[in-house]
Amino acid sequence: MAKTISARPTLYKGVRMRSRLEADFAAWPDRQGRRWAYEPQCFAGPKGQYLPDFRTPIMQYSDDPAEDYGDIYIEVKPYIEGEDSAAIEQVLARMETILLSDRFAWLELHFWTYGAEKPPLKFYRVSPDGVWWEHWADNSGGIWQGMGQYEALMDHADRRLRELGG
């Protein structure tokens, strides 16, 4: 994420998005028949505000949004080889603001490649206990920040939730 890429506002299905990359990403859940909302709501906490790029249901049982099971909030960033870990940590920390309002929301940071037909090469997902997991397209992954033992993982989750006021 060290390299800066200029965003070009783009209209997709009548929604004005801040970038072509976000519009391209929106086509992905469309191809799967999944509902999505662009910049659905702003979240606020002691550390500031955060506006996620997308919200989509965790599980979509029917065409009726009332039957959805929970929400996934997604931030979309361009995939750049050798991204900066400090920059990733900043984005993940901002996204955690959502957990103050919806502790059981799924949060995902997607590194998207324009024109992709399948899931991103790499993304991060937070679990309900507040611990971030790193996922790769080949289904490998691990705990962000190299947390290796269960006890350390739980300590990390408890500390993060306390920092967030939860």
Foldseek 3Di string as FASTA:
>chain_A
DPDDDQADFDAAPNDTDRHPQLNQVVVQVVVVVWDKDAQPDWFAAPVGIDGFGMKTAPDDPDPDPVPGDAIEGEHEAADDPPDDPVVVVVVLLNQCSVCVVPLQYKYKYAHAHRPDNDGGQKMWIAHSLGWIWIAGPVGDTGTPPPDDDPVSRNVVSVVSVVVRVD
